[in-house]
Amino acid sequence: MQRLSPTEIDRRQRPSAHDRILRDQDVRDRTGLSRTTRWRLIRAEKFPKPVKLTEHAVGWRESAIDGWLASREQAQ
C-alpha cells in the first residue's frame, strides 16, 4: 500500500470549481470503509481529512475522495 505524504493528501483535497461535498454515507458507499476505519486512516494520514461544515457536521470534497480512490487503484 502506497503511503501518501501530508503534502500529497493536502494537494488532492484542494477544491475544484465544481467540487461537491460528500457526506458520511456517500463516502461509505464509494469507499466501502466504515466510519471507524476512515477515522483511523485519517489519524494515520492515509485518508483525506474532512471539511467542517457546521459545529456538528463534516463532509469530504468529492475530488479528495476520487483522488484517494485513484491512488488505491495505482497501488494495486
PDB file of N, CA and C in Angstrom:
ATOM      1  N   MET A   1       0.844  -1.182   0.000  1.00  0.00           N
ATOM      2  CA  MET A   1       0.000   0.000   0.000  1.00  0.00           C
ATOM      3  C   MET A   1       0.886   1.241   0.000  1.00  0.00           C
ATOM      4  N   GLN A   2       0.621   2.147  -0.909  1.00  0.00           N
ATOM      5  CA  GLN A   2       1.379   3.375  -1.027  1.00  0.00           C
ATOM      6  C   GLN A   2       0.919   4.370   0.033  1.00  0.00           C
ATOM      7  N   ARG A   3       1.866   4.921   0.769  1.00  0.00           N
ATOM      8  CA  ARG A   3       1.529   5.911   1.785  1.00  0.00           C
ATOM      9  C   ARG A   3       1.684   7.299   1.182  1.00  0.00           C
ATOM     10  N   LEU A   4       0.643   8.114   1.292  1.00  0.00           N
ATOM     11  CA  LEU A   4       0.670   9.462   0.776  1.00  0.00           C
ATOM     12  C   LEU A   4       1.263  10.399   1.809  1.00  0.00           C
ATOM     13  N   SER A   5       2.078  11.317   1.346  1.00  0.00           N
ATOM     14  CA  SER A   5       2.617  12.316   2.259  1.00  0.00           C
ATOM     15  C   SER A   5       1.523  13.313   2.610  1.00  0.00           C
ATOM     16  N   PRO A   6       1.648  14.008   3.752  1.00  0.00           N
ATOM     17  CA  PRO A   6       0.650  15.030   4.098  1.00  0.00           C
ATOM     18  C   PRO A   6       0.484  16.075   3.002  1.00  0.00           C
ATOM     19  N   THR A   7       1.582  16.415   2.320  1.00  0.00           N
ATOM     20  CA  THR A   7       1.509  17.394   1.230  1.00  0.00           C
ATOM     21  C   THR A   7       0.678  16.851   0.077  1.00  0.00           C
ATOM     22  N   GLU A   8       0.873  15.586  -0.259  1.00  0.00           N
ATOM     23  CA  GLU A   8       0.123  14.965  -1.350  1.00  0.00           C
ATOM     24  C   GLU A   8      -1.357  14.874  -1.002  1.00  0.00           C
ATOM     25  N   ILE A   9      -1.663  14.513   0.232  1.00  0.00           N
ATOM     26  CA  ILE A   9      -3.061  14.449   0.661  1.00  0.00           C
ATOM     27  C   ILE A   9      -3.676  15.836   0.590  1.00  0.00           C
ATOM     28  N   ASP A  10      -2.946  16.860   1.073  1.00  0.00           N
ATOM     29  CA  ASP A  10      -3.445  18.226   1.039  1.00  0.00           C
ATOM     30  C   ASP A  10      -3.695  18.683  -0.396  1.00  0.00           C
ATOM     31  N   ARG A  11      -2.773  18.362  -1.311  1.00  0.00           N
ATOM     32  CA  ARG A  11      -2.919  18.760  -2.710  1.00  0.00           C
ATOM     33  C   ARG A  11      -4.167  18.138  -3.322  1.00  0.00           C
ATOM     34  N   ARG A  12      -4.448  16.906  -2.969  1.00  0.00           N
ATOM     35  CA  ARG A  12      -5.616  16.220  -3.514  1.00  0.00           C
ATOM     36  C   ARG A  12      -6.917  16.742  -2.922  1.00  0.00           C
ATOM     37  N   GLN A  13      -6.834  17.447  -1.802  1.00  0.00           N
ATOM     38  CA  GLN A  13      -8.036  17.956  -1.160  1.00  0.00           C
ATOM     39  C   GLN A  13      -8.406  19.353  -1.644  1.00  0.00           C
ATOM     40  N   ARG A  14      -7.563  19.983  -2.437  1.00  0.00           N
ATOM     41  CA  ARG A  14      -7.885  21.330  -2.915  1.00  0.00           C
ATOM     42  C   ARG A  14      -9.185  21.313  -3.701  1.00  0.00           C
ATOM     43  N   PRO A  15     -10.058  22.256  -3.420  1.00  0.00           N
ATOM     44  CA  PRO A  15     -11.349  22.247  -4.110  1.00  0.00           C
ATOM     45  C   PRO A  15     -11.222  22.661  -5.571  1.00  0.00           C
ATOM     46  N   SER A  16     -12.048  22.054  -6.400  1.00  0.00           N
ATOM     47  CA  SER A  16     -12.152  22.486  -7.786  1.00  0.00           C
ATOM     48  C   SER A  16     -13.405  23.349  -7.906  1.00  0.00           C
ATOM     49  N   ALA A  17     -13.591  23.932  -9.057  1.00  0.00           N
ATOM     50  CA  ALA A  17     -14.730  24.828  -9.258  1.00  0.00           C
ATOM     51  C   ALA A  17     -16.064  24.089  -9.099  1.00  0.00           C
ATOM     52  N   HIS A  18     -16.065  22.789  -9.389  1.00  0.00           N
ATOM     53  CA  HIS A  18     -17.315  22.026  -9.361  1.00  0.00           C
ATOM     54  C   HIS A  18     -17.271  20.916  -8.312  1.00  0.00           C
ATOM     55  N   ASP A  19     -16.484  21.121  -7.274  1.00  0.00           N
ATOM     56  CA  ASP A  19     -16.330  20.110  -6.232  1.00  0.00           C
ATOM     57  C   ASP A  19     -17.565  20.036  -5.351  1.00  0.00           C
ATOM     58  N   ARG A  20     -18.099  18.823  -5.205  1.00  0.00           N
ATOM     59  CA  ARG A  20     -19.230  18.612  -4.301  1.00  0.00           C
ATOM     60  C   ARG A  20     -18.710  18.165  -2.946  1.00  0.00           C
ATOM     61  N   ILE A  21     -19.533  18.352  -1.943  1.00  0.00           N
ATOM     62  CA  ILE A  21     -19.231  17.844  -0.617  1.00  0.00           C
ATOM     63  C   ILE A  21     -20.009  16.546  -0.424  1.00  0.00           C
ATOM     64  N   LEU A  22     -19.292  15.504  -0.071  1.00  0.00           N
ATOM     65  CA  LEU A  22     -19.910  14.203   0.170  1.00  0.00           C
ATOM     66  C   LEU A  22     -20.069  14.007   1.671  1.00  0.00           C
ATOM     67  N   ARG A  23     -21.223  13.560   2.072  1.00  0.00           N
ATOM     68  CA  ARG A  23     -21.466  13.288   3.485  1.00  0.00           C
ATOM     69  C   ARG A  23     -21.045  11.860   3.811  1.00  0.00           C
ATOM     70  N   ASP A  24     -21.122  11.508   5.068  1.00  0.00           N
ATOM     71  CA  ASP A  24     -20.613  10.242   5.575  1.00  0.00           C
ATOM     72  C   ASP A  24     -21.121   9.036   4.779  1.00  0.00           C
ATOM     73  N   GLN A  25     -22.407   8.942   4.558  1.00  0.00           N
ATOM     74  CA  GLN A  25     -22.971   7.774   3.856  1.00  0.00           C
ATOM     75  C   GLN A  25     -22.472   7.698   2.415  1.00  0.00           C
ATOM     76  N   ASP A  26     -22.329   8.851   1.755  1.00  0.00           N
ATOM     77  CA  ASP A  26     -21.808   8.864   0.386  1.00  0.00           C
ATOM     78  C   ASP A  26     -20.374   8.334   0.339  1.00  0.00           C
ATOM     79  N   VAL A  27     -19.560   8.761   1.308  1.00  0.00           N
ATOM     80  CA  VAL A  27     -18.159   8.313   1.354  1.00  0.00           C
ATOM     81  C   VAL A  27     -18.109   6.819   1.656  1.00  0.00           C
ATOM     82  N   ARG A  28     -18.953   6.366   2.544  1.00  0.00           N
ATOM     83  CA  ARG A  28     -19.008   4.935   2.856  1.00  0.00           C
ATOM     84  C   ARG A  28     -19.395   4.134   1.614  1.00  0.00           C
ATOM     85  N   ASP A  29     -20.394   4.600   0.873  1.00  0.00           N
ATOM     86  CA  ASP A  29     -20.832   3.900  -0.339  1.00  0.00           C
ATOM     87  C   ASP A  29     -19.719   3.843  -1.381  1.00  0.00           C
ATOM     88  N   ARG A  30     -18.970   4.921  -1.519  1.00  0.00           N
ATOM     89  CA  ARG A  30     -17.908   4.970  -2.538  1.00  0.00           C
ATOM     90  C   ARG A  30     -16.680   4.157  -2.154  1.00  0.00           C
ATOM     91  N   THR A  31     -16.310   4.189  -0.880  1.00  0.00           N
ATOM     92  CA  THR A  31     -15.069   3.548  -0.459  1.00  0.00           C
ATOM     93  C   THR A  31     -15.263   2.154   0.102  1.00  0.00           C
ATOM     94  N   GLY A  32     -16.444   1.882   0.650  1.00  0.00           N
ATOM     95  CA  GLY A  32     -16.678   0.616   1.309  1.00  0.00           C
ATOM     96  C   GLY A  32     -16.069   0.549   2.698  1.00  0.00           C
ATOM     97  N   LEU A  33     -15.566   1.676   3.191  1.00  0.00           N
ATOM     98  CA  LEU A  33     -14.917   1.721   4.502  1.00  0.00           C
ATOM     99  C   LEU A  33     -15.886   2.211   5.563  1.00  0.00           C
ATOM    100  N   SER A  34     -15.830   1.589   6.721  1.00  0.00           N
ATOM    101  CA  SER A  34     -16.669   2.030   7.830  1.00  0.00           C
ATOM    102  C   SER A  34     -16.173   3.373   8.355  1.00  0.00           C
ATOM    103  N   ARG A  35     -16.993   4.025   9.133  1.00  0.00           N
ATOM    104  CA  ARG A  35     -16.628   5.308   9.740  1.00  0.00           C
ATOM    105  C   ARG A  35     -15.375   5.154  10.609  1.00  0.00           C
ATOM    106  N   THR A  36     -15.327   4.095  11.403  1.00  0.00           N
ATOM    107  CA  THR A  36     -14.181   3.872  12.288  1.00  0.00           C
ATOM    108  C   THR A  36     -12.896   3.683  11.492  1.00  0.00           C
ATOM    109  N   THR A  37     -12.952   2.900  10.437  1.00  0.00           N
ATOM    110  CA  THR A  37     -11.765   2.672   9.606  1.00  0.00           C
ATOM    111  C   THR A  37     -11.301   3.969   8.966  1.00  0.00           C
ATOM    112  N   ARG A  38     -12.242   4.758   8.467  1.00  0.00           N
ATOM    113  CA  ARG A  38     -11.855   6.038   7.850  1.00  0.00           C
ATOM    114  C   ARG A  38     -11.170   6.951   8.856  1.00  0.00           C
ATOM    115  N   TRP A  39     -11.691   7.038  10.079  1.00  0.00           N
ATOM    116  CA  TRP A  39     -11.073   7.914  11.085  1.00  0.00           C
ATOM    117  C   TRP A  39      -9.690   7.409  11.481  1.00  0.00           C
ATOM    118  N   ARG A  40      -9.509   6.093  11.530  1.00  0.00           N
ATOM    119  CA  ARG A  40      -8.175   5.553  11.809  1.00  0.00           C
ATOM    120  C   ARG A  40      -7.200   5.930  10.701  1.00  0.00           C
ATOM    121  N   LEU A  41      -7.649   5.816   9.458  1.00  0.00           N
ATOM    122  CA  LEU A  41      -6.796   6.189   8.331  1.00  0.00           C
ATOM    123  C   LEU A  41      -6.503   7.688   8.319  1.00  0.00           C
ATOM    124  N   ILE A  42      -7.466   8.506   8.701  1.00  0.00           N
ATOM    125  CA  ILE A  42      -7.246   9.954   8.776  1.00  0.00           C
ATOM    126  C   ILE A  42      -6.162  10.252   9.804  1.00  0.00           C
ATOM    127  N   ARG A  43      -6.267   9.622  10.982  1.00  0.00           N
ATOM    128  CA  ARG A  43      -5.252   9.834  12.015  1.00  0.00           C
ATOM    129  C   ARG A  43      -3.872   9.411  11.542  1.00  0.00           C
ATOM    130  N   ALA A  44      -3.818   8.366  10.719  1.00  0.00           N
ATOM    131  CA  ALA A  44      -2.548   7.878  10.182  1.00  0.00           C
ATOM    132  C   ALA A  44      -2.127   8.637   8.924  1.00  0.00           C
ATOM    133  N   GLU A  45      -2.887   9.653   8.554  1.00  0.00           N
ATOM    134  CA  GLU A  45      -2.635  10.476   7.362  1.00  0.00           C
ATOM    135  C   GLU A  45      -2.632   9.641   6.081  1.00  0.00           C
ATOM    136  N   LYS A  46      -3.556   8.678   6.020  1.00  0.00           N
ATOM    137  CA  LYS A  46      -3.693   7.820   4.837  1.00  0.00           C
ATOM    138  C   LYS A  46      -5.041   7.981   4.161  1.00  0.00           C
ATOM    139  N   PHE A  47      -5.847   8.924   4.632  1.00  0.00           N
ATOM    140  CA  PHE A  47      -7.165   9.191   4.062  1.00  0.00           C
ATOM    141  C   PHE A  47      -7.407  10.688   4.175  1.00  0.00           C
ATOM    142  N   PRO A  48      -8.099  11.288   3.202  1.00  0.00           N
ATOM    143  CA  PRO A  48      -8.326  12.742   3.235  1.00  0.00           C
ATOM    144  C   PRO A  48      -9.069  13.191   4.491  1.00  0.00           C
ATOM    145  N   LYS A  49      -8.663  14.330   5.009  1.00  0.00           N
ATOM    146  CA  LYS A  49      -9.353  14.913   6.158  1.00  0.00           C
ATOM    147  C   LYS A  49     -10.690  15.498   5.709  1.00  0.00           C
ATOM    148  N   PRO A  50     -11.678  15.447   6.589  1.00  0.00           N
ATOM    149  CA  PRO A  50     -12.973  16.034   6.238  1.00  0.00           C
ATOM    150  C   PRO A  50     -12.944  17.553   6.349  1.00  0.00           C
ATOM    151  N   VAL A  51     -13.950  18.151   5.770  1.00  0.00           N
ATOM    152  CA  VAL A  51     -14.159  19.597   5.847  1.00  0.00           C
ATOM    153  C   VAL A  51     -15.263  19.841   6.874  1.00  0.00           C
ATOM    154  N   LYS A  52     -15.023  20.738   7.796  1.00  0.00           N
ATOM    155  CA  LYS A  52     -16.041  21.044   8.800  1.00  0.00           C
ATOM    156  C   LYS A  52     -17.111  21.918   8.153  1.00  0.00           C
ATOM    157  N   LEU A  53     -18.350  21.460   8.190  1.00  0.00           N
ATOM    158  CA  LEU A  53     -19.459  22.187   7.575  1.00  0.00           C
ATOM    159  C   LEU A  53     -20.187  23.055   8.593  1.00  0.00           C
ATOM    160  N   THR A  54     -20.440  22.491   9.736  1.00  0.00           N
ATOM    161  CA  THR A  54     -21.061  23.213  10.852  1.00  0.00           C
ATOM    162  C   THR A  54     -20.397  22.711  12.127  1.00  0.00           C
ATOM    163  N   GLU A  55     -20.902  23.142  13.249  1.00  0.00           N
ATOM    164  CA  GLU A  55     -20.337  22.693  14.515  1.00  0.00           C
ATOM    165  C   GLU A  55     -20.432  21.176  14.676  1.00  0.00           C
ATOM    166  N   HIS A  56     -21.463  20.565  14.097  1.00  0.00           N
ATOM    167  CA  HIS A  56     -21.691  19.134  14.277  1.00  0.00           C
ATOM    168  C   HIS A  56     -21.694  18.329  12.980  1.00  0.00           C
ATOM    169  N   ALA A  57     -21.263  18.912  11.888  1.00  0.00           N
ATOM    170  CA  ALA A  57     -21.322  18.201  10.604  1.00  0.00           C
ATOM    171  C   ALA A  57     -20.014  18.353   9.831  1.00  0.00           C
ATOM    172  N   VAL A  58     -19.595  17.249   9.218  1.00  0.00           N
ATOM    173  CA  VAL A  58     -18.424  17.269   8.347  1.00  0.00           C
ATOM    174  C   VAL A  58     -18.784  16.618   7.020  1.00  0.00           C
ATOM    175  N   GLY A  59     -17.955  16.859   6.041  1.00  0.00           N
ATOM    176  CA  GLY A  59     -18.109  16.236   4.738  1.00  0.00           C
ATOM    177  C   GLY A  59     -16.744  16.149   4.080  1.00  0.00           C
ATOM    178  N   TRP A  60     -16.671  15.462   2.979  1.00  0.00           N
ATOM    179  CA  TRP A  60     -15.419  15.312   2.245  1.00  0.00           C
ATOM    180  C   TRP A  60     -15.592  15.886   0.847  1.00  0.00           C
ATOM    181  N   ARG A  61     -14.546  16.532   0.353  1.00  0.00           N
ATOM    182  CA  ARG A  61     -14.580  17.016  -1.022  1.00  0.00           C
ATOM    183  C   ARG A  61     -14.559  15.805  -1.952  1.00  0.00           C
ATOM    184  N   GLU A  62     -15.412  15.846  -2.936  1.00  0.00           N
ATOM    185  CA  GLU A  62     -15.507  14.742  -3.887  1.00  0.00           C
ATOM    186  C   GLU A  62     -14.160  14.495  -4.570  1.00  0.00           C
ATOM    187  N   SER A  63     -13.460  15.568  -4.901  1.00  0.00           N
ATOM    188  CA  SER A  63     -12.165  15.424  -5.570  1.00  0.00           C
ATOM    189  C   SER A  63     -11.148  14.723  -4.667  1.00  0.00           C
ATOM    190  N   ALA A  64     -11.210  14.958  -3.365  1.00  0.00           N
ATOM    191  CA  ALA A  64     -10.284  14.299  -2.433  1.00  0.00           C
ATOM    192  C   ALA A  64     -10.558  12.800  -2.374  1.00  0.00           C
ATOM    193  N   ILE A  65     -11.827  12.431  -2.342  1.00  0.00           N
ATOM    194  CA  ILE A  65     -12.190  11.014  -2.309  1.00  0.00           C
ATOM    195  C   ILE A  65     -11.836  10.346  -3.637  1.00  0.00           C
ATOM    196  N   ASP A  66     -12.126  11.015  -4.743  1.00  0.00           N
ATOM    197  CA  ASP A  66     -11.769  10.473  -6.053  1.00  0.00           C
ATOM    198  C   ASP A  66     -10.259  10.290  -6.174  1.00  0.00           C
ATOM    199  N   GLY A  67      -9.491  11.265  -5.689  1.00  0.00           N
ATOM    200  CA  GLY A  67      -8.028  11.166  -5.712  1.00  0.00           C
ATOM    201  C   GLY A  67      -7.525  10.011  -4.866  1.00  0.00           C
ATOM    202  N   TRP A  68      -8.130   9.829  -3.700  1.00  0.00           N
ATOM    203  CA  TRP A  68      -7.729   8.730  -2.827  1.00  0.00           C
ATOM    204  C   TRP A  68      -8.034   7.391  -3.498  1.00  0.00           C
ATOM    205  N   LEU A  69      -9.215   7.272  -4.087  1.00  0.00           N
ATOM    206  CA  LEU A  69      -9.574   6.032  -4.779  1.00  0.00           C
ATOM    207  C   LEU A  69      -8.621   5.755  -5.942  1.00  0.00           C
ATOM    208  N   ALA A  70      -8.263   6.793  -6.683  1.00  0.00           N
ATOM    209  CA  ALA A  70      -7.331   6.624  -7.809  1.00  0.00           C
ATOM    210  C   ALA A  70      -5.963   6.170  -7.307  1.00  0.00           C
ATOM    211  N   SER A  71      -5.516   6.704  -6.176  1.00  0.00           N
ATOM    212  CA  SER A  71      -4.216   6.297  -5.624  1.00  0.00           C
ATOM    213  C   SER A  71      -4.249   4.824  -5.189  1.00  0.00           C
ATOM    214  N   ARG A  72      -5.395   4.360  -4.713  1.00  0.00           N
ATOM    215  CA  ARG A  72      -5.538   2.974  -4.310  1.00  0.00           C
ATOM    216  C   ARG A  72      -5.472   2.053  -5.533  1.00  0.00           C
ATOM    217  N   GLU A  73      -6.073   2.490  -6.637  1.00  0.00           N
ATOM    218  CA  GLU A  73      -6.048   1.692  -7.859  1.00  0.00           C
ATOM    219  C   GLU A  73      -4.620   1.588  -8.388  1.00  0.00           C
ATOM    220  N   GLN A  74      -3.854   2.668  -8.297  1.00  0.00           N
ATOM    221  CA  GLN A  74      -2.467   2.675  -8.777  1.00  0.00           C
ATOM    222  C   GLN A  74      -1.587   1.793  -7.913  1.00  0.00           C
ATOM    223  N   ALA A  75      -1.900   1.672  -6.642  1.00  0.00           N
ATOM    224  CA  ALA A  75      -1.080   0.883  -5.725  1.00  0.00           C
ATOM    225  C   ALA A  75      -1.245  -0.620  -5.959  1.00  0.00           C
ATOM    226  N   GLN A  76      -2.310  -1.019  -6.611  1.00  0.00           N
ATOM    227  CA  GLN A  76      -2.562  -2.451  -6.820  1.00  0.00           C
ATOM    228  C   GLN A  76      -1.797  -3.001  -7.971  1.00  0.00           C
TER     229      GLN A  76
END
